[in-house]
Each structure stands twice: as C-alpha cells, then as structure tokens.
Protein backbone atom coordinates (compact mmCIF):
# COMPACT_ATOMS: atom_id res chain seq x y z
CA MET A 1 54.99 99.53 154.12
CA LYS A 2 51.93 101.43 152.70
CA ILE A 3 50.14 104.38 152.99
CA ILE A 4 47.29 103.70 155.78
CA LYS A 5 46.02 107.70 155.79
CA LEU A 6 47.05 110.53 153.26
CA SER A 7 45.65 114.27 154.26
CA SER A 8 46.80 116.95 151.71
CA GLU A 9 46.04 120.65 152.33
CA ASN A 10 46.48 123.74 150.02
CA ILE A 11 48.88 121.50 147.34
CA LYS A 12 48.76 122.35 144.00
CA LYS A 13 44.97 122.36 143.43
CA LEU A 14 43.92 120.87 146.50
CA VAL A 15 41.58 122.26 149.29
CA ALA A 16 41.68 119.59 151.88
CA VAL A 17 41.33 116.00 151.24
CA GLU A 18 41.86 113.03 153.56
CA ILE A 19 42.24 109.70 152.06
CA THR A 20 41.94 106.17 154.12
CA PRO A 21 42.93 103.47 151.37
CA THR A 22 40.90 100.23 152.09
CA GLY A 23 42.27 98.26 149.03
CA ASP A 24 45.52 97.45 147.13
CA VAL A 25 44.29 100.01 144.32
CA VAL A 26 43.36 103.34 145.07
CA LYS A 27 41.26 105.31 142.47
CA ILE A 28 41.43 109.07 142.15
CA GLU A 29 39.00 110.14 139.81
CA GLY A 30 37.54 113.20 138.82
CA ARG A 31 37.26 115.74 135.64
CA ASN A 32 40.12 117.24 133.72
CA ASP A 33 42.09 120.32 136.05
CA ALA A 34 39.81 118.67 139.06
CA GLY A 35 43.17 117.92 141.09
CA LYS A 36 43.90 114.31 140.94
CA SER A 37 47.25 114.49 139.82
CA SER A 38 47.96 117.09 142.70
CA VAL A 39 46.54 114.04 145.08
CA LEU A 40 49.72 111.79 143.27
CA ASP A 41 51.76 114.55 143.92
CA SER A 42 51.19 115.04 147.42
CA ILE A 43 52.58 111.62 147.95
CA ALA A 44 55.32 111.96 145.80
CA MET A 45 56.50 115.81 147.22
CA ALA A 46 55.78 114.54 150.94
CA LEU A 47 58.40 111.14 150.38
CA GLY A 48 60.28 112.52 147.66
CA GLY A 49 61.17 115.70 149.06
CA ALA A 50 62.93 118.88 146.68
CA ALA A 51 63.63 116.94 143.88
CA LEU A 52 59.79 116.32 143.29
CA ILE A 53 58.53 119.51 144.48
CA PRO A 54 57.28 121.93 141.53
CA GLY A 55 57.88 125.67 141.06
CA VAL A 56 54.59 126.33 142.44
CA PRO A 57 53.18 123.77 145.25
CA VAL A 58 51.08 125.94 147.21
CA ARG A 59 47.61 126.67 146.06
CA GLN A 60 47.13 130.07 144.84
CA GLY A 61 46.17 132.54 147.24
CA GLN A 62 47.30 130.63 150.24
CA LYS A 63 50.93 130.95 151.84
CA ALA A 64 51.41 127.22 152.98
CA GLY A 65 50.30 123.95 152.50
CA LYS A 66 51.01 120.68 154.72
CA ILE A 67 50.93 116.95 153.89
CA THR A 68 50.57 114.01 156.28
CA VAL A 69 51.42 110.76 155.19
CA ASP A 70 51.05 107.83 157.60
CA LEU A 71 52.56 104.63 156.63
CA GLY A 72 51.86 102.67 159.74
CA GLU A 73 55.20 102.35 160.92
CA MET A 74 56.07 106.09 160.88
CA ILE A 75 54.10 109.22 159.98
CA ILE A 76 55.86 112.07 157.62
CA THR A 77 54.29 115.48 157.50
CA ARG A 78 55.68 118.04 155.01
CA THR A 79 54.93 121.62 155.06
CA ILE A 80 55.53 123.58 152.03
CA THR A 81 55.61 127.79 152.12
CA ALA A 82 54.63 129.57 148.86
CA SER A 83 57.78 131.37 149.26
CA GLY A 84 59.97 128.00 148.88
CA GLY A 85 60.59 127.34 152.40
CA GLY A 86 59.05 124.29 154.53
CA SER A 87 59.53 121.75 156.83
CA LEU A 88 59.62 117.92 157.35
CA THR A 89 59.21 115.65 159.87
CA VAL A 90 59.38 111.81 160.24
CA GLU A 91 57.92 110.19 163.44
CA ASN A 92 57.84 106.42 164.67
CA THR A 93 54.60 105.10 166.37
CA GLN A 94 56.41 105.93 169.72
CA GLY A 95 56.39 109.72 168.79
CA ALA A 96 60.17 109.96 168.08
CA ARG A 97 61.34 112.10 165.79
CA PHE A 98 64.29 110.77 163.29
CA LYS A 99 67.02 113.35 162.97
CA SER A 100 67.97 113.15 159.22
CA PRO A 101 64.07 112.63 157.99
CA GLN A 102 64.79 113.46 153.96
CA ALA A 103 68.06 110.99 154.07
CA MET A 104 65.84 108.39 155.91
CA LEU A 105 63.30 108.36 153.09
CA ASP A 106 65.56 108.34 150.61
CA LYS A 107 66.74 104.98 151.49
CA LEU A 108 63.21 103.82 151.53
CA LEU A 109 62.35 105.16 147.35
CA GLY A 110 63.14 103.53 144.21
CA ALA A 111 65.01 104.71 141.32
CA LEU A 112 61.57 105.30 139.30
CA THR A 113 60.15 107.53 142.07
CA PHE A 114 56.62 105.79 142.35
CA ASP A 115 56.08 105.40 138.85
CA PRO A 116 55.66 101.37 137.55
CA LEU A 117 55.14 102.74 134.15
CA ALA A 118 58.23 104.85 134.05
CA PHE A 119 60.40 102.02 133.11
CA GLU A 120 58.42 101.72 129.87
CA ARG A 121 58.59 105.38 129.13
CA GLU A 122 62.48 105.46 129.12
CA LYS A 123 64.49 105.11 126.13
CA PRO A 124 66.30 101.53 125.35
CA ALA A 125 69.75 102.89 126.81
CA ALA A 126 68.07 104.34 130.14
CA GLN A 127 65.77 100.86 130.54
CA ALA A 128 68.94 98.72 130.32
CA ASP A 129 70.97 100.76 132.89
CA ILE A 130 67.88 100.88 135.18
CA LEU A 131 67.85 96.86 134.45
CA ARG A 132 71.29 96.56 135.06
CA ALA A 133 71.57 98.18 138.26
CA LEU A 134 68.39 96.36 139.59
CA VAL A 135 69.86 92.79 138.97
CA GLY A 136 73.55 94.13 140.16
CA LEU A 137 74.73 93.51 136.46
CA ASP A 138 77.76 95.29 135.91
CA VAL A 139 79.61 94.94 132.70
CA SER A 140 80.88 98.85 132.08
CA ASP A 141 84.48 97.47 132.06
CA LEU A 142 83.47 95.08 129.54
CA ASP A 143 81.49 97.55 127.42
CA GLY A 144 84.68 100.06 127.86
CA GLN A 145 87.29 97.54 126.59
CA ARG A 146 84.91 96.42 123.97
CA LEU A 147 84.37 100.07 122.61
CA ARG A 148 87.80 100.61 122.43
CA LEU A 149 88.61 97.29 120.67
CA TYR A 150 85.65 97.85 118.24
CA GLU A 151 87.12 101.52 117.31
CA ASP A 152 90.73 100.19 117.07
CA ARG A 153 89.25 97.51 114.64
CA THR A 154 87.37 99.77 112.50
CA LEU A 155 90.28 101.91 112.03
CA LYS A 156 92.66 98.79 111.33
CA ASN A 157 89.75 97.76 108.84
CA ARG A 158 90.04 100.99 107.27
CA ASP A 159 93.74 100.59 106.97
CA VAL A 160 92.93 96.82 105.26
CA LYS A 161 90.44 98.27 102.69
CA ALA A 162 93.07 101.30 101.95
CA LEU A 163 96.03 98.55 101.44
CA GLN A 164 93.71 95.83 99.44
CA VAL A 165 93.24 98.85 97.04
CA HIS A 166 96.57 99.66 96.56
CA VAL A 167 97.29 96.19 96.59
CA ASP A 168 95.04 95.37 93.58
CA SER A 169 96.20 98.44 91.58
CA VAL A 170 99.78 97.49 91.65
CA ILE A 171 101.26 95.46 88.56
CA THR A 172 103.90 92.90 88.82
CA TYR A 173 106.08 90.88 86.34
CA SER A 174 106.38 87.47 86.95
CA ASP A 175 109.90 87.13 84.66
CA ALA A 176 111.49 90.08 86.22
CA PRO A 177 114.89 89.06 88.42
CA ASP A 178 114.46 89.58 92.35
CA GLN A 179 117.52 92.37 92.24
CA GLU A 180 117.93 95.63 90.06
CA ILE A 181 120.82 95.22 87.28
CA SER A 182 123.49 98.03 88.08
CA ILE A 183 123.15 100.54 85.66
CA ALA A 184 126.57 102.42 87.61
CA ALA A 185 128.48 99.21 86.51
CA LEU A 186 126.79 99.23 83.67
CA ALA A 187 128.03 103.09 82.80
CA THR A 188 131.23 102.35 84.12
CA ALA A 189 131.75 99.90 81.43
CA LEU A 190 130.71 101.97 78.89
CA GLN A 191 132.77 104.84 79.98
CA GLN A 192 135.87 102.59 79.75
CA ALA A 193 134.80 101.43 76.46
CA GLU A 194 134.20 104.61 75.16
CA GLN A 195 137.86 105.55 76.57
CA LEU A 196 139.34 102.65 74.48
CA GLN A 197 137.48 104.21 71.40
CA ALA A 198 139.27 107.43 72.05
CA ALA A 199 142.57 105.60 72.37
CA ALA A 200 142.38 103.64 69.10
CA THR A 201 140.98 107.07 67.30
CA GLY A 202 144.37 108.77 68.41
CA ALA A 203 146.68 105.70 67.27
CA THR A 204 145.02 105.66 64.35
CA LYS A 205 145.33 109.41 63.98
CA GLU A 206 149.05 109.27 64.70
CA LEU A 207 149.50 106.11 62.02
CA ASP A 208 148.28 108.65 59.44
CA ALA A 209 150.64 110.85 60.58
CA PHE A 210 153.77 108.90 60.32
CA LYS A 211 152.56 107.92 56.85
CA ALA A 212 152.04 111.32 55.56
CA GLN A 213 155.33 111.82 56.79
CA VAL A 214 156.79 108.69 55.07
CA LEU A 215 155.72 110.13 51.98
CA ARG A 216 157.05 113.66 52.35
CA LEU A 217 160.24 111.66 53.14
CA LYS A 218 160.12 109.66 49.95
CA ASP A 219 159.51 112.89 48.02
CA VAL A 220 162.89 114.86 49.73
CA LEU A 221 164.31 111.31 48.63
CA HIS A 222 163.55 111.53 45.26
CA ARG A 223 164.78 115.08 44.84
CA ALA A 224 167.76 114.39 46.64
CA GLU A 225 168.65 111.43 44.23
CA ALA A 226 167.83 113.58 41.62
CA ASP A 227 170.20 116.52 42.97
CA ARG A 228 172.91 113.73 43.31
CA ASP A 229 172.80 113.30 39.72
CA LEU A 230 172.78 116.72 38.58
CA ALA A 231 175.31 118.00 41.38
CA ARG A 232 177.94 115.54 41.44
CA VAL A 233 180.02 118.19 42.80
CA ALA A 234 177.47 117.72 45.82
CA PHE A 235 177.73 114.09 46.03
CA GLU A 236 179.37 113.61 49.24
CA ALA A 237 176.48 116.12 50.78
CA ALA A 238 173.63 114.63 49.08
CA ASP A 239 175.11 111.06 49.37
CA GLN A 240 175.18 111.75 53.22
CA ALA A 241 171.72 113.50 53.13
CA VAL A 242 170.54 110.23 51.31
CA MET A 243 172.00 108.11 54.31
CA ARG A 244 170.14 110.26 57.06
CA THR A 245 167.11 110.25 55.26
CA GLU A 246 167.32 106.49 54.67
CA ALA A 247 167.97 106.17 58.22
CA ALA A 248 165.26 108.59 58.93
CA LEU A 249 162.57 106.71 57.02
CA ASP A 250 163.83 103.36 58.62
CA ALA A 251 163.24 105.17 62.07
CA HIS A 252 159.86 106.23 60.26
CA ASN A 253 159.05 103.10 59.10
CA HIS A 254 159.41 101.30 62.56
CA ALA A 255 157.38 104.11 64.18
CA VAL A 256 155.00 103.20 61.38
CA GLN A 257 154.68 99.48 62.40
CA VAL A 258 154.51 100.17 65.92
CA ALA A 259 151.81 102.60 65.56
CA ILE A 260 150.21 99.85 63.17
CA GLU A 261 150.68 97.39 66.21
CA THR A 262 149.21 99.34 68.81
CA ALA A 263 146.18 100.85 66.99
CA GLU A 264 145.10 97.48 65.95
CA ALA A 265 145.81 96.15 69.52
CA ALA A 266 143.69 99.22 70.58
CA ALA A 267 140.97 98.53 68.16
CA ALA A 268 140.73 95.09 69.43
CA ARG A 269 140.57 95.83 73.21
CA VAL A 270 137.38 97.90 72.05
CA PRO A 271 133.98 96.19 73.47
CA ASP A 272 130.71 96.72 71.28
CA THR A 273 129.51 100.12 72.71
CA ALA A 274 126.25 99.68 70.91
CA ALA A 275 125.66 96.05 72.80
CA ILE A 276 126.39 98.17 76.14
CA ARG A 277 123.99 100.91 75.31
CA GLN A 278 121.19 98.34 74.51
CA THR A 279 121.64 96.41 77.94
CA VAL A 280 121.43 100.19 79.86
CA ARG A 281 118.05 100.60 78.17
CA GLU A 282 117.12 97.09 78.64
CA ALA A 283 118.45 97.19 82.46
CA GLU A 284 116.29 100.46 83.25
CA ALA A 285 113.35 98.62 82.28
CA VAL A 286 114.00 95.43 84.20
CA ASN A 287 114.88 97.47 87.25
CA LEU A 288 111.19 99.29 87.08
CA GLN A 289 109.91 95.70 86.92
CA VAL A 290 112.07 94.74 90.17
CA ARG A 291 111.39 97.78 92.24
CA THR A 292 107.19 97.37 91.15
CA ASN A 293 107.60 93.69 92.14
CA ALA A 294 109.11 94.85 95.76
CA GLN A 295 106.52 97.62 96.19
CA ALA A 296 103.74 95.17 95.64
CA LYS A 297 105.45 92.82 98.18
CA ALA A 298 105.42 95.07 100.60
CA ALA A 299 101.97 96.27 100.51
CA ARG A 300 101.04 92.67 100.25
CA LYS A 301 102.73 92.31 103.93
CA MET A 302 101.59 95.63 105.15
CA LEU A 303 97.80 94.10 103.94
CA ASP A 304 98.43 90.75 105.63
CA ASP A 305 99.70 92.43 108.81
CA ALA A 306 96.35 94.67 109.09
CA GLU A 307 94.41 91.86 108.45
CA ALA A 308 96.17 89.82 111.36
CA GLU A 309 95.52 92.54 113.42
CA SER A 310 91.89 93.30 112.68
CA LYS A 311 91.39 89.28 113.28
CA ALA A 312 93.05 89.29 116.49
CA LEU A 313 90.91 92.37 117.58
CA THR A 314 87.38 90.73 116.84
CA GLY A 315 88.58 87.54 118.88
CA GLN A 316 89.24 90.14 121.66
CA ILE A 317 85.94 91.41 121.05
CA ASP A 318 84.75 88.02 120.71
CA GLN A 319 86.18 87.06 124.20
CA LEU A 320 84.59 89.96 125.88
CA ASP A 321 80.95 89.35 124.47
CA ALA A 322 81.41 85.94 125.69
CA ALA A 323 82.50 87.07 129.20
CA LYS A 324 79.57 89.39 129.11
CA ALA A 325 76.95 86.94 127.59
CA ALA A 326 77.81 84.55 130.47
CA LYS A 327 77.16 87.65 133.42
CA ILE A 328 73.86 87.89 131.70
CA ALA A 329 73.24 84.43 131.56
CA VAL A 330 73.31 84.10 135.43
CA ALA A 331 71.56 87.46 136.05
CA ALA A 332 68.27 87.31 138.09
CA PHE A 333 65.75 89.49 136.04
CA PRO A 334 62.59 90.36 137.54
CA VAL A 335 60.29 88.57 134.79
CA VAL A 336 60.85 85.36 133.21
CA GLY A 337 61.80 86.18 129.51
CA LEU A 338 63.69 89.35 130.64
CA SER A 339 67.25 89.74 129.74
CA ILE A 340 69.69 92.03 128.14
CA SER A 341 71.70 91.48 124.76
CA ALA A 342 75.30 91.72 124.62
CA GLU A 343 74.74 94.81 122.61
CA GLY A 344 72.77 96.25 125.77
CA ALA A 345 69.29 96.20 124.46
CA VAL A 346 66.68 94.94 126.49
CA LEU A 347 65.18 91.99 125.47
CA PHE A 348 61.78 90.17 126.08
CA ASN A 349 61.69 86.51 125.07
CA GLY A 350 64.55 87.08 122.75
CA LEU A 351 62.99 90.46 121.07
CA PRO A 352 63.39 94.20 121.61
CA PHE A 353 61.30 95.19 124.73
CA GLU A 354 59.52 98.00 122.45
CA GLN A 355 58.35 95.09 120.22
CA ALA A 356 56.61 93.25 123.18
CA SER A 357 52.64 93.36 123.51
CA THR A 358 51.10 96.29 125.70
CA SER A 359 50.56 93.89 128.40
CA ALA A 360 53.91 92.46 128.22
CA ARG A 361 55.36 95.72 128.63
CA LEU A 362 53.22 96.85 131.44
CA ARG A 363 53.91 93.53 133.42
CA VAL A 364 57.43 94.14 132.87
CA SER A 365 57.29 98.00 134.09
CA VAL A 366 55.26 97.17 136.96
CA ALA A 367 57.52 94.40 138.12
CA ILE A 368 60.56 96.69 137.90
CA GLY A 369 59.02 99.22 139.66
CA LEU A 370 58.09 97.05 142.63
CA ALA A 371 61.44 95.49 142.87
CA LEU A 372 62.78 99.00 142.90
CA ASN A 373 60.70 99.84 145.90
CA SER A 374 61.15 96.72 147.72
CA GLN A 375 60.63 98.48 151.03
CA LEU A 376 58.25 101.58 150.32
CA LYS A 377 55.72 99.48 148.15
CA ILE A 378 53.92 102.69 146.81
CA LEU A 379 53.26 102.76 143.11
CA LEU A 380 51.57 105.97 141.12
CA VAL A 381 50.21 105.25 137.89
CA ARG A 382 49.28 108.98 136.19
CA ASP A 383 48.31 107.53 132.78
CA GLY A 384 45.20 105.57 134.39
CA ALA A 385 42.88 106.90 131.38
CA LEU A 386 45.17 105.21 129.02
CA LEU A 387 44.90 101.53 130.73
CA ASP A 388 42.01 99.11 129.70
CA SER A 389 40.08 96.89 132.09
CA GLU A 390 42.55 93.96 131.61
CA ASN A 391 45.69 96.38 131.97
CA LEU A 392 44.12 97.74 135.21
CA ALA A 393 43.41 93.91 136.60
CA LEU A 394 47.03 93.21 135.81
CA ILE A 395 48.18 96.18 137.79
CA ALA A 396 45.71 95.23 140.52
CA GLU A 397 46.94 91.40 140.64
CA MET A 398 50.38 92.36 140.34
CA ALA A 399 50.45 94.87 143.44
CA THR A 400 48.16 92.43 145.73
CA ALA A 401 50.79 89.52 144.96
CA ALA A 402 53.21 91.76 145.86
CA GLY A 403 51.86 93.33 148.69
CA ALA A 404 52.40 96.84 146.99
CA GLN A 405 49.46 99.70 147.04
CA VAL A 406 48.77 101.34 143.51
CA TRP A 407 47.49 105.13 143.47
CA LEU A 408 45.95 105.48 140.28
CA GLU A 409 44.69 108.55 138.41
CA ALA A 410 41.66 108.38 135.93
CA MET A 411 39.46 110.73 134.14
CA ARG A 412 35.73 111.01 134.67
CA GLU A 413 32.63 113.11 134.36
CA SER A 414 31.11 111.62 137.42
CA PRO A 415 31.65 109.54 140.56
CA SER A 416 31.68 105.70 139.33
CA GLY A 417 30.93 104.56 142.55
CA ASP A 418 33.66 101.44 142.18
CA ALA A 419 35.25 100.32 145.21
CA CYS A 420 38.40 101.98 146.61
CA SER A 421 37.50 104.78 144.40
CA VAL A 422 38.19 108.82 145.45
CA PHE A 423 36.45 111.42 142.87
CA ILE A 424 37.90 114.99 143.49
CA SER A 425 36.06 118.15 142.51
CA ASP A 426 37.75 121.65 142.37
CA GLY A 427 40.20 120.31 145.09
CA SER A 428 37.85 118.62 147.35
CA ILE A 429 36.67 115.10 147.78
CA VAL A 430 33.18 114.58 146.53
CA GLU A 431 32.35 110.93 147.04
CA THR A 432 34.42 108.05 148.61
CA SER A 433 33.52 104.34 147.85
CA ALA A 434 34.73 102.03 150.33
C-alpha cells in the first residue's frame, strides 16, 4: 500500500495542505522552518500513533489538528488536540470502520518507522539486531553460551598465567631423592647413642672409684703389716685384719675387672655421634630439596590441568562459532554481500558496514527499510538535502523496483519545478509540479 492522498491541517507548522502524489518519489521542498518536516511528521503521526506524536503536535494558536491519509484500501483519519486528546478512525473502501485501528496499523508498520536511512544511523550493535530480526537469524542462545565460555576461559587463562609464573619461579633439585629423610629416626638414634655414652661414662667413673678404693686398701694393708711387726701381741688380730683386707681386696679387684669389662663393652656400643649429627644436618638440606621438588611437581600439574581446561573451553567456543557461522551462512539477507560476522558485526562484502561506500550504505539501508515495511511501502527521508543526485536517483530506482513510495524532504529557496515536487512556505503549499 502507498499514499494516494494526504491532507494535514494545523499539524505542527502546517496551516492546511493536501497532496496527491503522482510518482514513486514525492519531494517536499522549502526553506528552513517552512513546514517541510511537518508534512513527513503528519504521515508518521497518522500511522504510528502516540509513539510518534511530539509534545506540541498542533499549530500554535489552534485547538486541534487533523490528518487524513488515503491508502486506497483504507482511509486513516486522526484528530489531535492541543491538550493531548484526539481520535483515530480507519475505514475500508466500503466505509466500514476497524474496531482496533491502531493495532491494525501497527501490524503494517516496519521496525524502522518509515525511515530507510535509520539503519545507517544506528549503532553497529543495533544494526546487527535489526538485520538478525529481518532474516530470522536468532543466535542469542549460541551468543549466551559463547559469552559464558569466553568468560570462563578468560578466568582460566588468568590462572594459567599465574601458575606459569609460579612454576617458573620454583627451584628444583635433580639429585634429591623422592622421599624425605626421617629426622625423627635420626634423632632417636642420636638419643640412644647419647644414652650409651652416658652409661659408658658412668661405668668409667665407677671403675675410677674402685681403683681409688684399691689404693686405700693397699695403704691400709701396709699399715696393718707394719702394725703386725710392731705389735706381735696383736698379730692374731692383725692377721685376721690382713685376711679380711685381702679378701676385700680380691673382691674389689674382681669388681674392678667387672667394671673394666662393663665400661669397655659400653664404650664399644657407643656409635659415632658426630657422624649422626652431620647426617641430620645433611638430611635437613635434602628434605628441603624433596619438598621443593614436590611443590614444583604440584604446580606443574595445576598448570597442566588449567591449560587443559582452557583448551577444552576454546574447543567449545570454536564449536559454538561454527554453529553460529552455519546459521549465518544459510540466512537470506536482503542485499547480496550483506552478512553478519561470528562476532555479531554487520559486514558488506567482507568489510565492516561503516567502511562501505556512501552509495553502498544507502542501498543497504533502503533495502532493509523496504524489507521491514513489506506491506505499507512508505519511506520517509528527512535528510534529502544531504543526498546528491546519484543517491537520490538510487533511492528512486529502488523504490520503483519495490513498488514503494518515498517522501523526501529537501531544502530549497524557491520552487524547483521538478516533477512530483511540493513547495511549502509558511505551512502552506505554494506550488505543486505534476
């Protein structure tokens, strides 16, 4: 459907205009602030409803405005009051009115609200969303999975880097044993050796005591013999004393011999404590090497595990990218060369859309605008003054090929006399060239 006739009264800067288009491109010309935009706004307000009605839609000094759009198959009439009220009726060719007129109109409208150049002005992310919706390309589930996996891999790669630094900083000892030396066992051996040493020292002291006692007994014996010579009278007593002393001496000599044997045996059992102490010192150093090697081995395992997890996440991301690429590959885009990358960027002939030529971007934007307005083929171009003759011709050609109607706003100081042009001055039509 296209506009057969437009009537707009007291809308924004318009006093009253009536336009009957005669071609696929309708040029609305005039000076700045003459009311050109009000003509295009009338169409948008009549069809789009509250979402496209500005805060002050009625011409200053007037209580209400009225817009009538004849689409051939139906006639839309919208009244708008200065206070914000208004009404909407949609009638078919037989005069029957639709019960839910705005809902019916909403089904006819495209996502870019009539503006074929809106796609080019959108940000890249919004362009990709519009294009995906147009071709029915829903990869949100794959994008969500990919984002989660990408975040997981990013965190895991941080662990990998940290573990790599740790592994690189750990010193290892190639000649260290796999198990630590038991310091407790060495301490026990040292304690036992020290106990044996103490026992041997005690036996030696006891031997010295016995030897001293022997010397004293010998002295007593000498004095007893002297007493015996000097006191024969006490011979018997002295003789008995001698006998007792000799017996005691024999007993002590035997004890001395036993003590000597005991001390020698104890000394023989004493190990080399200096060697044990040296072994303990060496064991501490060896055990430090063993612990260091164990830490290095554990760090290496953690690094290997982290790298394996990161590699697995990368594999899952690659699978999602491949699935997404497969979906994109079979999507039917409105322009040859137009596509969406795996990262979600809009591409034209393999390059970012914003790097395409002006004419290419225009062609793509118009094609998308036409595709989105598949039933109501009306496009409103508000930047006509920025388009050169080639681009204007391109828009006209695409509109004609699609059976669409383009309403184009252009700034001029005086009527151009071009076919299908309407010159607006102070809210009214000055000249219409058919």
